[in-house]
Protein backbone atom coordinates (compact mmCIF):
# COMPACT_ATOMS: atom_id res chain seq x y z
CA UNK A 1 0.00 0.00 0.00
CA UNK A 2 2.74 2.42 -0.88
CA UNK A 3 1.61 5.88 -1.72
CA UNK A 4 -1.57 5.53 0.31
CA UNK A 5 -2.46 8.37 2.67
CA UNK A 6 -1.27 7.42 6.19
CA UNK A 7 -4.62 7.97 7.92
CA UNK A 8 -6.36 5.92 5.24
CA UNK A 9 -3.84 3.09 5.68
CA UNK A 10 -4.45 3.09 9.45
CA UNK A 11 -8.20 3.20 8.95
CA UNK A 12 -8.12 0.29 6.51
CA UNK A 13 -5.94 -1.78 8.85
CA UNK A 14 -8.35 -1.21 11.72
CA UNK A 15 -11.36 -1.86 9.48
CA UNK A 16 -9.91 -5.20 8.36
CA UNK A 17 -9.28 -6.35 11.92
CA UNK A 18 -12.76 -5.26 13.01
CA UNK A 19 -14.27 -7.23 10.12
CA UNK A 20 -12.35 -10.29 11.29
CA UNK A 21 -13.76 -9.84 14.80
CA UNK A 22 -10.50 -8.73 16.40
CA UNK A 23 -10.13 -5.69 18.67
CA UNK A 24 -9.17 -2.21 17.47
CA UNK A 25 -5.82 -2.39 19.23
CA UNK A 26 -4.73 -5.30 17.03
CA UNK A 27 -5.41 -3.25 13.89
CA UNK A 28 -3.38 -0.35 15.24
CA UNK A 29 -0.45 -2.66 16.05
CA UNK A 30 -0.70 -4.20 12.57
CA UNK A 31 -0.48 -0.71 11.02
CA UNK A 32 2.50 0.21 13.20
CA UNK A 33 4.37 -2.95 12.16
CA UNK A 34 3.83 -2.56 8.43
CA UNK A 35 4.30 1.19 7.91
CA UNK A 36 6.94 3.83 8.52
CA UNK A 37 6.92 7.58 8.57
CA UNK A 38 5.92 10.66 10.49
CA UNK A 39 2.34 9.58 11.15
CA UNK A 40 3.50 6.22 12.52
CA UNK A 41 5.59 8.08 15.10
CA UNK A 42 2.58 10.17 16.11
CA UNK A 43 0.37 7.08 16.39
CA UNK A 44 3.03 5.31 18.47
CA UNK A 45 3.26 8.27 20.83
CA UNK A 46 -0.54 8.50 21.01
CA UNK A 47 -0.86 4.79 21.79
CA UNK A 48 1.81 5.04 24.50
CA UNK A 49 -0.09 7.90 26.15
CA UNK A 50 -3.30 5.84 26.13
CA UNK A 51 -1.55 2.81 27.61
CA UNK A 52 -0.13 5.00 30.38
CA UNK A 53 -3.58 6.42 31.07
CA UNK A 54 -2.54 9.98 30.23
CA UNK A 55 -4.48 12.65 28.37
CA UNK A 56 -4.07 12.52 24.57
CA UNK A 57 -5.96 15.68 23.64
CA UNK A 58 -2.85 17.88 23.58
CA UNK A 59 -1.12 15.49 21.16
CA UNK A 60 -4.20 15.21 18.95
CA UNK A 61 -4.73 18.97 18.81
CA UNK A 62 -1.11 19.40 17.66
CA UNK A 63 -1.82 17.44 14.46
CA UNK A 64 -2.47 19.72 11.49
CA UNK A 65 -4.81 17.42 9.53
CA UNK A 66 -8.41 17.35 10.68
CA UNK A 67 -8.89 13.83 9.29
CA UNK A 68 -5.97 12.53 11.35
CA UNK A 69 -7.36 14.17 14.49
CA UNK A 70 -10.81 12.65 13.98
CA UNK A 71 -9.31 9.25 13.22
CA UNK A 72 -7.26 9.18 16.42
CA UNK A 73 -10.25 10.33 18.48
CA UNK A 74 -12.37 7.60 16.90
CA UNK A 75 -9.74 4.93 17.55
CA UNK A 76 -9.49 6.10 21.13
CA UNK A 77 -13.22 5.46 21.49
CA UNK A 78 -12.67 2.02 19.95
CA UNK A 79 -9.90 1.24 22.41
CA UNK A 80 -12.30 2.06 25.24
CA UNK A 81 -14.63 -0.65 23.94
CA UNK A 82 -17.20 1.37 22.00
CA UNK A 83 -18.57 0.03 18.71
CA UNK A 84 -16.98 2.12 15.97
CA UNK A 85 -17.39 0.06 12.80
CA UNK A 86 -20.17 2.18 11.28
CA UNK A 87 -18.25 5.37 12.00
CA UNK A 88 -15.13 3.78 10.47
CA UNK A 89 -17.04 3.19 7.24
CA UNK A 90 -18.25 6.80 7.15
CA UNK A 91 -14.80 8.16 7.91
CA UNK A 92 -13.30 5.95 5.20
CA UNK A 93 -15.60 7.55 2.63
CA UNK A 94 -14.70 11.05 3.83
CA UNK A 95 -10.96 10.36 3.73
CA UNK A 96 -11.27 8.85 0.25
CA UNK A 97 -13.16 11.95 -0.88
CA UNK A 98 -10.46 14.20 0.57
CA UNK A 99 -7.76 12.15 -1.21
CA UNK A 100 -9.60 12.42 -4.52
CA UNK A 101 -10.04 16.16 -4.07
CA UNK A 102 -6.34 16.61 -3.32
CA UNK A 103 -5.43 14.57 -6.40
CA UNK A 104 -7.70 16.60 -8.66
CA UNK A 105 -6.24 19.85 -7.31
CA UNK A 106 -2.70 18.65 -8.01
CA UNK A 107 -3.67 17.43 -11.47
CA UNK A 108 -5.29 20.78 -12.25
CA UNK A 109 -2.04 22.60 -11.43
CA UNK A 110 0.14 20.18 -13.38
CA UNK A 111 -0.20 21.78 -16.86
CA UNK A 112 0.93 25.13 -15.51
CA UNK A 113 3.89 23.57 -13.75
CA UNK A 114 4.87 21.74 -16.93
CA UNK A 115 4.92 25.04 -18.83
CA UNK A 116 8.02 26.10 -16.90
CA UNK A 117 10.46 23.77 -18.73
CA UNK A 118 8.82 24.75 -21.99
CA UNK A 119 9.42 28.43 -21.34
CA UNK A 120 12.93 27.99 -19.95
CA UNK A 121 14.40 25.57 -22.48
CA UNK A 122 12.32 25.16 -25.61
CA UNK A 123 11.26 28.75 -26.23
CA UNK A 124 14.82 30.17 -26.30
CA UNK A 125 15.88 27.36 -28.62
CA UNK A 126 12.96 28.18 -30.92
CA UNK A 127 13.98 31.84 -30.95
CA UNK A 128 17.53 30.87 -31.95
CA UNK A 129 16.20 28.77 -34.80
CA UNK A 130 13.89 31.57 -35.87
CA UNK A 131 16.30 34.49 -35.64
CA UNK A 132 19.54 32.61 -36.36
CA UNK A 133 19.47 32.99 -40.15
CA UNK A 134 18.28 36.59 -39.82
CA UNK A 135 21.19 37.47 -37.55
CA UNK A 136 23.62 35.60 -39.79
CA UNK A 137 22.51 37.67 -42.79
CA UNK A 138 22.76 40.86 -40.75
CA UNK A 139 26.34 40.17 -39.64
CA UNK A 140 27.24 39.04 -43.15
CA UNK A 141 25.94 42.33 -44.60
CA UNK A 142 27.86 44.38 -41.98
CA UNK A 143 31.09 42.57 -42.75
CA UNK A 144 30.74 42.82 -46.29
């Protein structure tokens, strides 16, 4: 699942374990084993705070993404024993929508970004081809 958004990967891991009848904690541990990155470190720290019985709200509020915050709050409810499967399905749809929106925004900007090499490299070369013979005739007429 390379290239998958980290909160979506965590959500899918938890969803799979819930569908198999296993607890939420097992899905979180499965995600932590299989993935690496910045979000894994945050989830590890969050899980350690929960296991120690400390408050996690300060850690969750420090996360910039709203989807990540909601996901961790939902998983915290699941670790307390609440039924979260229906909410997991809803959150999965929302995260997928957000991923699709981000992709379409990046794809919409792509043509403008690709114009930069065209302007920097191809346009000057075209001008040389266009004005090269004209300049050659000009210098030839001055010399001669």
